[in-house]
């Protein structure tokens, strides 16, 4: 229950930050994808049905905030969680560098997936020219990810949750 409440508050704050920063920073590429970072944190450190449902809820909340078709981000964020969960369960070491790599891949997957699934007319032809901006956004998100992981770990300790269920 505490994990659900913690990630609900973090997702709300992440979406508030992601939607308010574009008013201050004109370059959207510089805004990290905090929801993907939270989904990767869930996939690295919390395994089970509840974290998967939390990832789905974070994606669904992203759909509600962004105004896109409901279900696209819910599917993509859940896919990022499941991909991270599967790979991290087979690795011997999961640390901030591995998490940042997962964040980079996750942002690329969600960006390309939202473009392809969100607008059927764009398809794969529109992915090529936008791939550099997707990669730049993924790099910014990967650079911010270790700090977010540390912040989430501090909050987990404060509410009495285990910081890591995976191997460190």
C-alpha atoms as a PDB file:
ATOM      1  CA  UNK A   1       0.000   0.000   0.000  1.00  0.00           C
ATOM      2  CA  UNK A   2       2.814   2.389   0.878  1.00  0.00           C
ATOM      3  CA  UNK A   3       4.518   1.657  -2.450  1.00  0.00           C
ATOM      4  CA  UNK A   4       1.324   2.507  -4.340  1.00  0.00           C
ATOM      5  CA  UNK A   5       0.819   5.766  -2.473  1.00  0.00           C
ATOM      6  CA  UNK A   6       4.464   6.776  -2.838  1.00  0.00           C
ATOM      7  CA  UNK A   7       4.491   6.198  -6.586  1.00  0.00           C
ATOM      8  CA  UNK A   8       1.093   7.865  -7.008  1.00  0.00           C
ATOM      9  CA  UNK A   9       2.460  11.017  -5.382  1.00  0.00           C
ATOM     10  CA  UNK A  10       5.715  10.787  -7.366  1.00  0.00           C
ATOM     11  CA  UNK A  11       3.838  10.285 -10.638  1.00  0.00           C
ATOM     12  CA  UNK A  12       1.617  13.259  -9.881  1.00  0.00           C
ATOM     13  CA  UNK A  13       4.660  15.429  -9.154  1.00  0.00           C
ATOM     14  CA  UNK A  14       6.467  14.133 -12.240  1.00  0.00           C
ATOM     15  CA  UNK A  15       3.513  14.937 -14.486  1.00  0.00           C
ATOM     16  CA  UNK A  16       3.137  18.369 -12.915  1.00  0.00           C
ATOM     17  CA  UNK A  17       6.813  19.078 -13.556  1.00  0.00           C
ATOM     18  CA  UNK A  18       6.710  17.724 -17.109  1.00  0.00           C
ATOM     19  CA  UNK A  19       3.683  19.821 -18.000  1.00  0.00           C
ATOM     20  CA  UNK A  20       4.805  23.061 -16.333  1.00  0.00           C
ATOM     21  CA  UNK A  21       8.461  23.218 -17.427  1.00  0.00           C
ATOM     22  CA  UNK A  22       7.616  23.823 -21.133  1.00  0.00           C
ATOM     23  CA  UNK A  23       6.338  27.244 -20.103  1.00  0.00           C
ATOM     24  CA  UNK A  24       9.838  28.126 -18.843  1.00  0.00           C
ATOM     25  CA  UNK A  25      12.078  26.156 -21.240  1.00  0.00           C
ATOM     26  CA  UNK A  26      11.306  26.461 -24.931  1.00  0.00           C
ATOM     27  CA  UNK A  27      13.319  23.379 -25.924  1.00  0.00           C
ATOM     28  CA  UNK A  28      11.194  20.357 -25.102  1.00  0.00           C
ATOM     29  CA  UNK A  29      14.178  18.049 -25.590  1.00  0.00           C
ATOM     30  CA  UNK A  30      15.685  19.310 -22.318  1.00  0.00           C
ATOM     31  CA  UNK A  31      12.749  18.042 -20.234  1.00  0.00           C
ATOM     32  CA  UNK A  32      13.465  14.552 -18.858  1.00  0.00           C
ATOM     33  CA  UNK A  33      10.791  11.875 -19.056  1.00  0.00           C
ATOM     34  CA  UNK A  34      10.277  11.373 -15.321  1.00  0.00           C
ATOM     35  CA  UNK A  35       7.505   8.797 -15.728  1.00  0.00           C
ATOM     36  CA  UNK A  36       9.835   6.487 -17.643  1.00  0.00           C
ATOM     37  CA  UNK A  37      12.461   6.967 -14.912  1.00  0.00           C
ATOM     38  CA  UNK A  38       9.907   5.955 -12.269  1.00  0.00           C
ATOM     39  CA  UNK A  39       8.825   2.931 -14.334  1.00  0.00           C
ATOM     40  CA  UNK A  40      12.456   1.836 -14.675  1.00  0.00           C
ATOM     41  CA  UNK A  41      12.935   2.234 -10.921  1.00  0.00           C
ATOM     42  CA  UNK A  42       9.911   0.000 -10.371  1.00  0.00           C
ATOM     43  CA  UNK A  43      11.238  -2.570 -12.846  1.00  0.00           C
ATOM     44  CA  UNK A  44      14.693  -2.635 -11.295  1.00  0.00           C
ATOM     45  CA  UNK A  45      13.682  -2.833  -7.653  1.00  0.00           C
ATOM     46  CA  UNK A  46      10.108  -4.068  -7.292  1.00  0.00           C
ATOM     47  CA  UNK A  47       8.867  -7.252  -8.881  1.00  0.00           C
ATOM     48  CA  UNK A  48       5.297  -8.460  -8.857  1.00  0.00           C
ATOM     49  CA  UNK A  49       1.782  -7.645  -9.890  1.00  0.00           C
ATOM     50  CA  UNK A  50       1.353  -4.470  -7.822  1.00  0.00           C
ATOM     51  CA  UNK A  51       4.354  -2.677  -9.392  1.00  0.00           C
ATOM     52  CA  UNK A  52       3.088  -3.652 -12.857  1.00  0.00           C
ATOM     53  CA  UNK A  53      -0.304  -2.152 -12.009  1.00  0.00           C
ATOM     54  CA  UNK A  54       1.433   0.969 -10.700  1.00  0.00           C
ATOM     55  CA  UNK A  55       3.344   1.282 -13.992  1.00  0.00           C
ATOM     56  CA  UNK A  56       0.073   0.918 -15.911  1.00  0.00           C
ATOM     57  CA  UNK A  57      -1.575   3.573 -13.727  1.00  0.00           C
ATOM     58  CA  UNK A  58       1.346   5.959 -14.273  1.00  0.00           C
ATOM     59  CA  UNK A  59       1.014   5.484 -18.032  1.00  0.00           C
ATOM     60  CA  UNK A  60      -2.728   5.988 -17.869  1.00  0.00           C
ATOM     61  CA  UNK A  61      -2.242   9.181 -15.855  1.00  0.00           C
ATOM     62  CA  UNK A  62       0.221  10.333 -18.512  1.00  0.00           C
ATOM     63  CA  UNK A  63      -2.471   9.764 -21.123  1.00  0.00           C
ATOM     64  CA  UNK A  64      -4.933  11.803 -19.073  1.00  0.00           C
ATOM     65  CA  UNK A  65      -2.465  14.682 -18.589  1.00  0.00           C
ATOM     66  CA  UNK A  66      -1.192  14.730 -22.176  1.00  0.00           C
ATOM     67  CA  UNK A  67      -4.551  14.560 -23.874  1.00  0.00           C
ATOM     68  CA  UNK A  68      -3.463  11.717 -26.133  1.00  0.00           C
ATOM     69  CA  UNK A  69      -5.577   8.696 -26.903  1.00  0.00           C
ATOM     70  CA  UNK A  70      -6.160   6.790 -23.690  1.00  0.00           C
ATOM     71  CA  UNK A  71      -4.144   3.628 -23.450  1.00  0.00           C
ATOM     72  CA  UNK A  72      -1.105   4.435 -25.593  1.00  0.00           C
ATOM     73  CA  UNK A  73       1.162   5.632 -22.796  1.00  0.00           C
ATOM     74  CA  UNK A  74      -0.369   3.096 -20.414  1.00  0.00           C
ATOM     75  CA  UNK A  75       0.718   0.336 -22.792  1.00  0.00           C
ATOM     76  CA  UNK A  76       4.159   1.842 -23.427  1.00  0.00           C
ATOM     77  CA  UNK A  77       5.024   2.569 -19.775  1.00  0.00           C
ATOM     78  CA  UNK A  78       3.880  -0.932 -18.801  1.00  0.00           C
ATOM     79  CA  UNK A  79       6.046  -2.330 -21.605  1.00  0.00           C
ATOM     80  CA  UNK A  80       9.051  -0.370 -20.307  1.00  0.00           C
ATOM     81  CA  UNK A  81       8.400  -1.716 -16.798  1.00  0.00           C
ATOM     82  CA  UNK A  82       8.128  -5.298 -18.071  1.00  0.00           C
ATOM     83  CA  UNK A  83      11.240  -4.983 -20.237  1.00  0.00           C
ATOM     84  CA  UNK A  84      13.217  -3.572 -17.312  1.00  0.00           C
ATOM     85  CA  UNK A  85      11.841  -6.215 -14.964  1.00  0.00           C
ATOM     86  CA  UNK A  86      12.751  -9.089 -17.300  1.00  0.00           C
ATOM     87  CA  UNK A  87      16.267  -7.887 -18.004  1.00  0.00           C
ATOM     88  CA  UNK A  88      17.010  -6.873 -14.417  1.00  0.00           C
ATOM     89  CA  UNK A  89      15.862 -10.243 -13.096  1.00  0.00           C
ATOM     90  CA  UNK A  90      18.573 -11.876 -15.212  1.00  0.00           C
ATOM     91  CA  UNK A  91      21.418  -9.458 -14.459  1.00  0.00           C
ATOM     92  CA  UNK A  92      23.853  -9.993 -11.629  1.00  0.00           C
ATOM     93  CA  UNK A  93      24.277  -6.258 -11.036  1.00  0.00           C
ATOM     94  CA  UNK A  94      21.659  -3.523 -11.159  1.00  0.00           C
ATOM     95  CA  UNK A  95      22.978  -0.083 -10.337  1.00  0.00           C
ATOM     96  CA  UNK A  96      22.450   3.510 -11.439  1.00  0.00           C
ATOM     97  CA  UNK A  97      24.419   3.027 -14.671  1.00  0.00           C
ATOM     98  CA  UNK A  98      22.280   0.059 -15.677  1.00  0.00           C
ATOM     99  CA  UNK A  99      19.172   2.031 -14.704  1.00  0.00           C
ATOM    100  CA  UNK A 100      20.291   5.002 -16.818  1.00  0.00           C
ATOM    101  CA  UNK A 101      20.774   2.670 -19.781  1.00  0.00           C
ATOM    102  CA  UNK A 102      17.265   1.294 -19.279  1.00  0.00           C
ATOM    103  CA  UNK A 103      15.943   4.854 -19.076  1.00  0.00           C
ATOM    104  CA  UNK A 104      17.647   5.754 -22.361  1.00  0.00           C
ATOM    105  CA  UNK A 105      16.128   2.733 -24.117  1.00  0.00           C
ATOM    106  CA  UNK A 106      12.765   3.285 -22.419  1.00  0.00           C
ATOM    107  CA  UNK A 107      12.497   6.898 -23.570  1.00  0.00           C
ATOM    108  CA  UNK A 108      13.327   5.867 -27.139  1.00  0.00           C
ATOM    109  CA  UNK A 109      10.735   3.061 -26.995  1.00  0.00           C
ATOM    110  CA  UNK A 110       8.007   5.307 -25.579  1.00  0.00           C
ATOM    111  CA  UNK A 111       8.744   8.173 -27.975  1.00  0.00           C
ATOM    112  CA  UNK A 112       8.797   6.028 -31.099  1.00  0.00           C
ATOM    113  CA  UNK A 113       5.861   3.956 -29.859  1.00  0.00           C
ATOM    114  CA  UNK A 114       3.745   7.031 -29.129  1.00  0.00           C
ATOM    115  CA  UNK A 115       4.514   8.411 -32.585  1.00  0.00           C
ATOM    116  CA  UNK A 116       3.720   5.187 -34.399  1.00  0.00           C
ATOM    117  CA  UNK A 117       0.705   4.164 -32.312  1.00  0.00           C
ATOM    118  CA  UNK A 118      -0.681   7.641 -31.726  1.00  0.00           C
ATOM    119  CA  UNK A 119      -0.939   8.814 -35.306  1.00  0.00           C
ATOM    120  CA  UNK A 120      -1.497   6.052 -37.793  1.00  0.00           C
ATOM    121  CA  UNK A 121      -0.851   8.373 -40.736  1.00  0.00           C
ATOM    122  CA  UNK A 122       2.678   9.228 -39.519  1.00  0.00           C
ATOM    123  CA  UNK A 123       3.850   5.647 -39.287  1.00  0.00           C
ATOM    124  CA  UNK A 124       7.486   4.741 -39.596  1.00  0.00           C
ATOM    125  CA  UNK A 125       8.238   7.487 -42.152  1.00  0.00           C
ATOM    126  CA  UNK A 126       8.117  10.189 -39.461  1.00  0.00           C
ATOM    127  CA  UNK A 127      10.401   8.335 -37.064  1.00  0.00           C
ATOM    128  CA  UNK A 128      13.649   8.989 -38.964  1.00  0.00           C
ATOM    129  CA  UNK A 129      13.722  12.800 -38.827  1.00  0.00           C
ATOM    130  CA  UNK A 130      12.589  12.845 -35.192  1.00  0.00           C
ATOM    131  CA  UNK A 131      15.052  10.205 -33.998  1.00  0.00           C
ATOM    132  CA  UNK A 132      17.727  12.797 -33.125  1.00  0.00           C
ATOM    133  CA  UNK A 133      15.348  14.706 -30.855  1.00  0.00           C
ATOM    134  CA  UNK A 134      14.206  11.412 -29.305  1.00  0.00           C
ATOM    135  CA  UNK A 135      17.850  10.458 -28.659  1.00  0.00           C
ATOM    136  CA  UNK A 136      18.604  13.879 -27.149  1.00  0.00           C
ATOM    137  CA  UNK A 137      15.589  13.615 -24.836  1.00  0.00           C
ATOM    138  CA  UNK A 138      16.634  10.078 -23.915  1.00  0.00           C
ATOM    139  CA  UNK A 139      20.160  11.283 -23.108  1.00  0.00           C
ATOM    140  CA  UNK A 140      18.837  14.075 -20.864  1.00  0.00           C
ATOM    141  CA  UNK A 141      16.551  11.587 -19.114  1.00  0.00           C
ATOM    142  CA  UNK A 142      19.430   9.126 -18.651  1.00  0.00           C
ATOM    143  CA  UNK A 143      21.598  11.859 -17.131  1.00  0.00           C
ATOM    144  CA  UNK A 144      18.864  12.831 -14.650  1.00  0.00           C
ATOM    145  CA  UNK A 145      17.938   9.224 -13.802  1.00  0.00           C
ATOM    146  CA  UNK A 146      20.613   8.483 -11.129  1.00  0.00           C
ATOM    147  CA  UNK A 147      19.595  11.570  -9.139  1.00  0.00           C
ATOM    148  CA  UNK A 148      15.923  10.560  -9.354  1.00  0.00           C
ATOM    149  CA  UNK A 149      16.810   6.999  -8.287  1.00  0.00           C
ATOM    150  CA  UNK A 150      18.617   8.381  -5.218  1.00  0.00           C
ATOM    151  CA  UNK A 151      15.698  10.680  -4.394  1.00  0.00           C
ATOM    152  CA  UNK A 152      13.210   7.804  -4.659  1.00  0.00           C
ATOM    153  CA  UNK A 153      15.463   5.621  -2.480  1.00  0.00           C
ATOM    154  CA  UNK A 154      15.521   8.331   0.200  1.00  0.00           C
ATOM    155  CA  UNK A 155      11.725   8.597   0.092  1.00  0.00           C
ATOM    156  CA  UNK A 156      11.396   4.804   0.323  1.00  0.00           C
ATOM    157  CA  UNK A 157      13.550   4.768   3.436  1.00  0.00           C
ATOM    158  CA  UNK A 158      11.465   7.560   4.946  1.00  0.00           C
ATOM    159  CA  UNK A 159       8.203   5.629   4.501  1.00  0.00           C
ATOM    160  CA  UNK A 160       9.718   2.316   5.603  1.00  0.00           C
ATOM    161  CA  UNK A 161       9.927   0.513   2.272  1.00  0.00           C
ATOM    162  CA  UNK A 162      12.844  -1.672   1.248  1.00  0.00           C
ATOM    163  CA  UNK A 163      15.115   0.351  -1.011  1.00  0.00           C
ATOM    164  CA  UNK A 164      16.090  -2.520  -3.240  1.00  0.00           C
ATOM    165  CA  UNK A 165      14.729  -5.959  -3.841  1.00  0.00           C
ATOM    166  CA  UNK A 166      17.102  -6.500  -6.731  1.00  0.00           C
ATOM    167  CA  UNK A 167      20.818  -7.091  -6.476  1.00  0.00           C
ATOM    168  CA  UNK A 168      23.047  -4.049  -5.933  1.00  0.00           C
END
